[in-house]
Amino acid sequence: MNYSKGTNYALHTMLYLASQDDNPIIGVQELADHQGVSSSYLSKILTKLTKQGLIESHSGAQGGYRLSRDKYTISFLEIIQAIEGNAPLFKGCERNKPGCLIEDVMMNSEKKMDEYLQSQMIGDIADKGKLVQK
């Protein structure tokens, strides 16, 4: 069970944005440099986050990205699903028999993981990071 590198970059980008005071507009190059990734690659990830309403894009010389909502209302699950989609991690039993015990275990574990990720807000994690830096 692996999330893509894109999800990793999306989570770190959102954390960086959430860590900024007063939610400023930050250019794609700064966001890319912060993670050591190309701006063209990160732009594709930012497009997905924008389409899901997690960040907003601003054009022009001073353009860039910033959070579109309060950082305490953006969950890890939303960020992950913006990149990975909503498909379940477990694809079901091969024989598609109703009442598959393995499928029950896997689906319940995924549900618990989703609940945990939904409870983790990017703003809370950003605040923890600020405390560690002090």
N, C-alpha and C. Protein backbone atom coordinates (compact mmCIF):
# COMPACT_ATOMS: atom_id res chain seq x y z
N MET A 1 0.85 -1.17 0.00
CA MET A 1 0.00 0.00 0.00
C MET A 1 0.90 1.23 0.00
N ASN A 2 0.92 1.92 -1.12
CA ASN A 2 1.76 3.11 -1.26
C ASN A 2 0.94 4.25 -1.85
N TYR A 3 1.22 5.44 -1.34
CA TYR A 3 0.70 6.64 -1.97
C TYR A 3 1.77 7.12 -2.94
N SER A 4 1.36 7.83 -3.95
CA SER A 4 2.30 8.32 -4.96
C SER A 4 3.18 9.44 -4.39
N LYS A 5 4.26 9.71 -5.11
CA LYS A 5 5.12 10.84 -4.75
C LYS A 5 4.33 12.14 -4.81
N GLY A 6 3.37 12.20 -5.74
CA GLY A 6 2.54 13.39 -5.85
C GLY A 6 1.79 13.69 -4.57
N THR A 7 1.31 12.65 -3.91
CA THR A 7 0.62 12.84 -2.64
C THR A 7 1.58 13.38 -1.58
N ASN A 8 2.79 12.86 -1.56
CA ASN A 8 3.80 13.35 -0.63
C ASN A 8 4.07 14.84 -0.87
N TYR A 9 4.25 15.21 -2.13
CA TYR A 9 4.49 16.63 -2.45
C TYR A 9 3.27 17.48 -2.12
N ALA A 10 2.08 16.96 -2.36
CA ALA A 10 0.86 17.71 -2.05
C ALA A 10 0.75 17.97 -0.56
N LEU A 11 0.99 16.95 0.25
CA LEU A 11 0.91 17.12 1.71
C LEU A 11 1.95 18.12 2.20
N HIS A 12 3.18 18.03 1.69
CA HIS A 12 4.22 18.97 2.11
C HIS A 12 3.94 20.39 1.63
N THR A 13 3.38 20.52 0.44
CA THR A 13 3.02 21.84 -0.07
C THR A 13 1.93 22.46 0.80
N MET A 14 0.93 21.66 1.12
CA MET A 14 -0.17 22.17 1.95
C MET A 14 0.33 22.53 3.35
N LEU A 15 1.25 21.74 3.88
CA LEU A 15 1.82 22.05 5.19
C LEU A 15 2.60 23.36 5.13
N TYR A 16 3.36 23.55 4.07
CA TYR A 16 4.13 24.79 3.90
C TYR A 16 3.19 26.00 3.82
N LEU A 17 2.13 25.87 3.03
CA LEU A 17 1.16 26.95 2.92
C LEU A 17 0.48 27.23 4.26
N ALA A 18 0.14 26.17 4.98
CA ALA A 18 -0.54 26.32 6.27
C ALA A 18 0.38 26.90 7.34
N SER A 19 1.68 26.77 7.14
CA SER A 19 2.65 27.27 8.12
C SER A 19 2.91 28.77 8.00
N GLN A 20 2.44 29.37 6.92
CA GLN A 20 2.68 30.79 6.68
C GLN A 20 1.69 31.65 7.46
N ASP A 21 2.16 32.70 8.04
CA ASP A 21 1.28 33.65 8.73
C ASP A 21 0.49 34.46 7.72
N ASP A 22 -0.75 34.71 7.97
CA ASP A 22 -1.63 35.56 7.16
C ASP A 22 -1.94 35.00 5.77
N ASN A 23 -1.69 33.72 5.53
CA ASN A 23 -2.07 33.05 4.28
C ASN A 23 -1.66 33.84 3.02
N PRO A 24 -0.37 34.13 2.86
CA PRO A 24 0.07 34.91 1.69
C PRO A 24 0.02 34.08 0.41
N ILE A 25 0.07 34.77 -0.72
CA ILE A 25 0.18 34.10 -2.01
C ILE A 25 1.66 33.76 -2.20
N ILE A 26 1.93 32.49 -2.50
CA ILE A 26 3.31 32.02 -2.65
C ILE A 26 3.48 31.46 -4.05
N GLY A 27 4.54 31.89 -4.71
CA GLY A 27 4.81 31.46 -6.08
C GLY A 27 5.17 29.99 -6.19
N VAL A 28 4.88 29.44 -7.34
CA VAL A 28 5.14 28.01 -7.57
C VAL A 28 6.63 27.70 -7.44
N GLN A 29 7.50 28.62 -7.83
CA GLN A 29 8.93 28.35 -7.75
C GLN A 29 9.37 28.21 -6.30
N GLU A 30 8.88 29.06 -5.43
CA GLU A 30 9.21 28.95 -4.00
C GLU A 30 8.71 27.63 -3.44
N LEU A 31 7.49 27.25 -3.80
CA LEU A 31 6.93 25.98 -3.33
C LEU A 31 7.74 24.80 -3.84
N ALA A 32 8.16 24.87 -5.09
CA ALA A 32 8.96 23.80 -5.68
C ALA A 32 10.35 23.74 -5.05
N ASP A 33 10.98 24.90 -4.90
CA ASP A 33 12.32 24.95 -4.31
C ASP A 33 12.32 24.40 -2.89
N HIS A 34 11.27 24.67 -2.15
CA HIS A 34 11.17 24.21 -0.76
C HIS A 34 11.25 22.68 -0.69
N GLN A 35 10.78 22.00 -1.74
CA GLN A 35 10.77 20.54 -1.73
C GLN A 35 11.81 19.92 -2.66
N GLY A 36 12.51 20.76 -3.41
CA GLY A 36 13.52 20.25 -4.32
C GLY A 36 12.92 19.48 -5.49
N VAL A 37 11.83 20.00 -6.02
CA VAL A 37 11.13 19.37 -7.15
C VAL A 37 10.97 20.42 -8.24
N SER A 38 10.78 20.00 -9.47
CA SER A 38 10.62 20.97 -10.56
C SER A 38 9.28 21.69 -10.43
N SER A 39 9.27 22.93 -10.84
CA SER A 39 8.03 23.70 -10.76
C SER A 39 6.98 23.17 -11.73
N SER A 40 7.40 22.62 -12.86
CA SER A 40 6.42 22.07 -13.81
C SER A 40 5.73 20.84 -13.24
N TYR A 41 6.48 19.99 -12.54
CA TYR A 41 5.88 18.81 -11.91
C TYR A 41 4.94 19.24 -10.79
N LEU A 42 5.38 20.17 -9.95
CA LEU A 42 4.55 20.62 -8.84
C LEU A 42 3.30 21.32 -9.34
N SER A 43 3.39 22.02 -10.47
CA SER A 43 2.22 22.70 -11.04
C SER A 43 1.07 21.74 -11.31
N LYS A 44 1.39 20.54 -11.75
CA LYS A 44 0.34 19.53 -12.01
C LYS A 44 -0.36 19.14 -10.72
N ILE A 45 0.39 19.03 -9.66
CA ILE A 45 -0.17 18.70 -8.35
C ILE A 45 -1.02 19.87 -7.85
N LEU A 46 -0.51 21.08 -8.01
CA LEU A 46 -1.24 22.28 -7.57
C LEU A 46 -2.56 22.42 -8.33
N THR A 47 -2.58 22.02 -9.58
CA THR A 47 -3.82 22.06 -10.36
C THR A 47 -4.86 21.15 -9.75
N LYS A 48 -4.46 19.96 -9.33
CA LYS A 48 -5.40 19.03 -8.69
C LYS A 48 -5.92 19.59 -7.37
N LEU A 49 -5.03 20.18 -6.59
CA LEU A 49 -5.45 20.78 -5.31
C LEU A 49 -6.40 21.95 -5.53
N THR A 50 -6.16 22.72 -6.59
CA THR A 50 -7.02 23.84 -6.93
C THR A 50 -8.40 23.34 -7.36
N LYS A 51 -8.43 22.32 -8.20
CA LYS A 51 -9.71 21.77 -8.67
C LYS A 51 -10.56 21.24 -7.53
N GLN A 52 -9.92 20.77 -6.47
CA GLN A 52 -10.66 20.26 -5.32
C GLN A 52 -11.00 21.35 -4.31
N GLY A 53 -10.62 22.59 -4.61
CA GLY A 53 -10.97 23.70 -3.74
C GLY A 53 -10.14 23.81 -2.48
N LEU A 54 -8.98 23.19 -2.46
CA LEU A 54 -8.13 23.24 -1.28
C LEU A 54 -7.19 24.46 -1.30
N ILE A 55 -6.80 24.87 -2.49
CA ILE A 55 -5.99 26.07 -2.66
C ILE A 55 -6.61 26.90 -3.77
N GLU A 56 -6.18 28.15 -3.84
CA GLU A 56 -6.62 29.01 -4.93
C GLU A 56 -5.39 29.54 -5.66
N SER A 57 -5.58 29.73 -6.94
CA SER A 57 -4.52 30.18 -7.82
C SER A 57 -4.70 31.66 -8.13
N HIS A 58 -3.61 32.40 -8.15
CA HIS A 58 -3.62 33.82 -8.49
C HIS A 58 -2.63 34.06 -9.61
N SER A 59 -3.10 34.68 -10.68
CA SER A 59 -2.27 34.94 -11.86
C SER A 59 -1.50 36.24 -11.71
N GLY A 60 -0.55 36.43 -12.60
CA GLY A 60 0.17 37.70 -12.67
C GLY A 60 1.57 37.61 -12.10
N ALA A 61 2.24 38.75 -12.15
CA ALA A 61 3.63 38.83 -11.71
C ALA A 61 3.80 38.44 -10.24
N GLN A 62 2.82 38.79 -9.43
CA GLN A 62 2.86 38.45 -8.01
C GLN A 62 1.97 37.25 -7.71
N GLY A 63 1.69 36.46 -8.73
CA GLY A 63 0.78 35.34 -8.60
C GLY A 63 1.38 34.16 -7.87
N GLY A 64 0.52 33.21 -7.62
CA GLY A 64 0.95 32.00 -6.92
C GLY A 64 -0.27 31.30 -6.33
N TYR A 65 -0.06 30.70 -5.18
CA TYR A 65 -1.09 29.88 -4.55
C TYR A 65 -1.19 30.20 -3.06
N ARG A 66 -2.39 29.98 -2.55
CA ARG A 66 -2.60 30.05 -1.11
C ARG A 66 -3.79 29.17 -0.76
N LEU A 67 -3.94 28.90 0.52
CA LEU A 67 -5.06 28.08 0.96
C LEU A 67 -6.37 28.79 0.62
N SER A 68 -7.35 28.02 0.22
CA SER A 68 -8.65 28.62 -0.12
C SER A 68 -9.63 28.56 1.06
N ARG A 69 -9.26 27.82 2.09
CA ARG A 69 -10.11 27.68 3.27
C ARG A 69 -9.25 27.80 4.52
N ASP A 70 -9.92 27.92 5.62
CA ASP A 70 -9.23 27.92 6.91
C ASP A 70 -8.42 26.63 7.05
N LYS A 71 -7.18 26.76 7.45
CA LYS A 71 -6.28 25.61 7.52
C LYS A 71 -6.74 24.55 8.52
N TYR A 72 -7.60 24.92 9.44
CA TYR A 72 -8.09 23.95 10.42
C TYR A 72 -9.29 23.16 9.91
N THR A 73 -9.69 23.41 8.67
CA THR A 73 -10.80 22.67 8.07
C THR A 73 -10.36 21.78 6.92
N ILE A 74 -9.06 21.74 6.67
CA ILE A 74 -8.52 20.93 5.56
C ILE A 74 -7.87 19.68 6.13
N SER A 75 -8.45 18.54 5.80
CA SER A 75 -7.95 17.28 6.36
C SER A 75 -6.92 16.62 5.44
N PHE A 76 -6.12 15.78 6.04
CA PHE A 76 -5.17 14.98 5.28
C PHE A 76 -5.90 14.13 4.25
N LEU A 77 -7.05 13.58 4.62
CA LEU A 77 -7.80 12.74 3.69
C LEU A 77 -8.20 13.51 2.44
N GLU A 78 -8.65 14.75 2.60
CA GLU A 78 -9.03 15.56 1.44
C GLU A 78 -7.84 15.78 0.50
N ILE A 79 -6.69 16.04 1.08
CA ILE A 79 -5.49 16.27 0.27
C ILE A 79 -5.10 15.00 -0.47
N ILE A 80 -5.10 13.89 0.23
CA ILE A 80 -4.75 12.61 -0.38
C ILE A 80 -5.73 12.27 -1.50
N GLN A 81 -7.02 12.44 -1.25
CA GLN A 81 -8.02 12.12 -2.26
C GLN A 81 -7.95 13.06 -3.46
N ALA A 82 -7.50 14.29 -3.25
CA ALA A 82 -7.34 15.22 -4.38
C ALA A 82 -6.30 14.69 -5.37
N ILE A 83 -5.32 13.98 -4.87
CA ILE A 83 -4.25 13.45 -5.73
C ILE A 83 -4.53 12.01 -6.16
N GLU A 84 -4.93 11.19 -5.22
CA GLU A 84 -5.09 9.75 -5.49
C GLU A 84 -6.48 9.36 -5.99
N GLY A 85 -7.47 10.22 -5.74
CA GLY A 85 -8.85 9.86 -6.06
C GLY A 85 -9.51 9.14 -4.90
N ASN A 86 -10.72 8.69 -5.11
CA ASN A 86 -11.50 8.08 -4.03
C ASN A 86 -11.61 6.56 -4.12
N ALA A 87 -10.91 5.94 -5.04
CA ALA A 87 -11.02 4.49 -5.20
C ALA A 87 -10.48 3.79 -3.95
N PRO A 88 -11.11 2.71 -3.55
CA PRO A 88 -10.62 1.98 -2.37
C PRO A 88 -9.24 1.38 -2.63
N LEU A 89 -8.46 1.24 -1.58
CA LEU A 89 -7.12 0.65 -1.71
C LEU A 89 -7.23 -0.85 -1.98
N PHE A 90 -8.17 -1.49 -1.35
CA PHE A 90 -8.36 -2.93 -1.54
C PHE A 90 -9.37 -3.13 -2.65
N LYS A 91 -9.02 -3.95 -3.60
CA LYS A 91 -9.86 -4.13 -4.79
C LYS A 91 -10.92 -5.21 -4.64
N GLY A 92 -11.02 -5.86 -3.51
CA GLY A 92 -12.05 -6.87 -3.30
C GLY A 92 -11.52 -8.27 -3.55
N CYS A 93 -12.32 -9.23 -3.18
CA CYS A 93 -11.96 -10.63 -3.36
C CYS A 93 -12.01 -11.00 -4.84
N GLU A 94 -11.09 -11.85 -5.24
CA GLU A 94 -11.03 -12.24 -6.65
C GLU A 94 -12.30 -12.92 -7.13
N ARG A 95 -12.91 -13.68 -6.29
CA ARG A 95 -14.09 -14.44 -6.70
C ARG A 95 -15.39 -13.68 -6.46
N ASN A 96 -15.27 -12.47 -5.89
CA ASN A 96 -16.43 -11.62 -5.64
C ASN A 96 -17.57 -12.33 -4.92
N LYS A 97 -17.22 -13.16 -3.97
CA LYS A 97 -18.24 -13.85 -3.19
C LYS A 97 -18.76 -12.91 -2.11
N PRO A 98 -20.07 -12.80 -1.95
CA PRO A 98 -20.61 -11.99 -0.87
C PRO A 98 -20.16 -12.54 0.49
N GLY A 99 -19.88 -11.65 1.41
CA GLY A 99 -19.49 -12.06 2.74
C GLY A 99 -18.05 -12.52 2.85
N CYS A 100 -17.20 -12.11 1.94
CA CYS A 100 -15.78 -12.48 1.97
C CYS A 100 -15.15 -11.94 3.26
N LEU A 101 -14.63 -12.81 4.08
CA LEU A 101 -14.06 -12.41 5.37
C LEU A 101 -12.83 -11.54 5.20
N ILE A 102 -12.03 -11.82 4.19
CA ILE A 102 -10.83 -11.01 3.93
C ILE A 102 -11.23 -9.60 3.52
N GLU A 103 -12.21 -9.50 2.65
CA GLU A 103 -12.67 -8.19 2.22
C GLU A 103 -13.22 -7.39 3.39
N ASP A 104 -13.93 -8.04 4.30
CA ASP A 104 -14.46 -7.36 5.48
C ASP A 104 -13.34 -6.74 6.31
N VAL A 105 -12.28 -7.50 6.53
CA VAL A 105 -11.15 -7.00 7.32
C VAL A 105 -10.48 -5.83 6.61
N MET A 106 -10.23 -5.99 5.33
CA MET A 106 -9.54 -4.95 4.58
C MET A 106 -10.37 -3.67 4.49
N MET A 107 -11.63 -3.81 4.23
CA MET A 107 -12.49 -2.62 4.10
C MET A 107 -12.65 -1.92 5.45
N ASN A 108 -12.74 -2.67 6.54
CA ASN A 108 -12.82 -2.06 7.87
C ASN A 108 -11.54 -1.33 8.23
N SER A 109 -10.40 -1.91 7.86
CA SER A 109 -9.13 -1.25 8.17
C SER A 109 -8.99 0.05 7.37
N GLU A 110 -9.42 0.01 6.12
CA GLU A 110 -9.37 1.21 5.29
C GLU A 110 -10.30 2.29 5.84
N LYS A 111 -11.45 1.88 6.30
CA LYS A 111 -12.41 2.83 6.89
C LYS A 111 -11.80 3.51 8.12
N LYS A 112 -11.13 2.74 8.96
CA LYS A 112 -10.50 3.32 10.16
C LYS A 112 -9.37 4.27 9.78
N MET A 113 -8.59 3.90 8.76
CA MET A 113 -7.52 4.78 8.31
C MET A 113 -8.11 6.08 7.76
N ASP A 114 -9.15 5.98 6.95
CA ASP A 114 -9.80 7.18 6.41
C ASP A 114 -10.34 8.07 7.52
N GLU A 115 -10.94 7.47 8.53
CA GLU A 115 -11.46 8.24 9.66
C GLU A 115 -10.34 8.99 10.37
N TYR A 116 -9.21 8.32 10.56
CA TYR A 116 -8.06 8.96 11.20
C TYR A 116 -7.53 10.11 10.35
N LEU A 117 -7.34 9.86 9.05
CA LEU A 117 -6.83 10.89 8.16
C LEU A 117 -7.81 12.07 8.06
N GLN A 118 -9.10 11.80 8.13
CA GLN A 118 -10.11 12.87 8.10
C GLN A 118 -10.03 13.71 9.37
N SER A 119 -9.58 13.13 10.47
CA SER A 119 -9.50 13.85 11.74
C SER A 119 -8.22 14.68 11.87
N GLN A 120 -7.27 14.47 10.98
CA GLN A 120 -5.99 15.18 11.03
C GLN A 120 -6.04 16.41 10.12
N MET A 121 -6.06 17.58 10.71
CA MET A 121 -6.16 18.83 9.97
C MET A 121 -4.77 19.41 9.72
N ILE A 122 -4.57 19.91 8.52
CA ILE A 122 -3.26 20.43 8.12
C ILE A 122 -2.84 21.61 9.01
N GLY A 123 -3.81 22.39 9.48
CA GLY A 123 -3.50 23.51 10.37
C GLY A 123 -2.96 23.06 11.70
N ASP A 124 -3.50 21.98 12.25
CA ASP A 124 -3.01 21.46 13.53
C ASP A 124 -1.57 20.95 13.38
N ILE A 125 -1.29 20.30 12.26
CA ILE A 125 0.07 19.79 12.03
C ILE A 125 1.04 20.96 11.82
N ALA A 126 0.59 21.99 11.12
CA ALA A 126 1.43 23.18 10.93
C ALA A 126 1.75 23.82 12.27
N ASP A 127 0.77 23.89 13.15
CA ASP A 127 1.00 24.45 14.49
C ASP A 127 2.01 23.62 15.27
N LYS A 128 1.93 22.31 15.17
CA LYS A 128 2.90 21.44 15.84
C LYS A 128 4.30 21.72 15.32
N GLY A 129 4.42 21.92 14.02
CA GLY A 129 5.72 22.21 13.42
C GLY A 129 6.30 23.52 13.94
N LYS A 130 5.47 24.51 14.13
CA LYS A 130 5.92 25.79 14.66
C LYS A 130 6.41 25.64 16.09
N LEU A 131 5.76 24.79 16.87
CA LEU A 131 6.18 24.57 18.25
C LEU A 131 7.54 23.88 18.30
N VAL A 132 7.77 22.94 17.40
CA VAL A 132 9.02 22.21 17.34
C VAL A 132 10.17 23.14 16.96
N GLN A 133 9.90 24.11 16.07
CA GLN A 133 10.93 25.03 15.60
C GLN A 133 11.35 26.05 16.66
N LYS A 134 10.49 26.29 17.65
CA LYS A 134 10.81 27.30 18.67
C LYS A 134 11.83 26.83 19.64
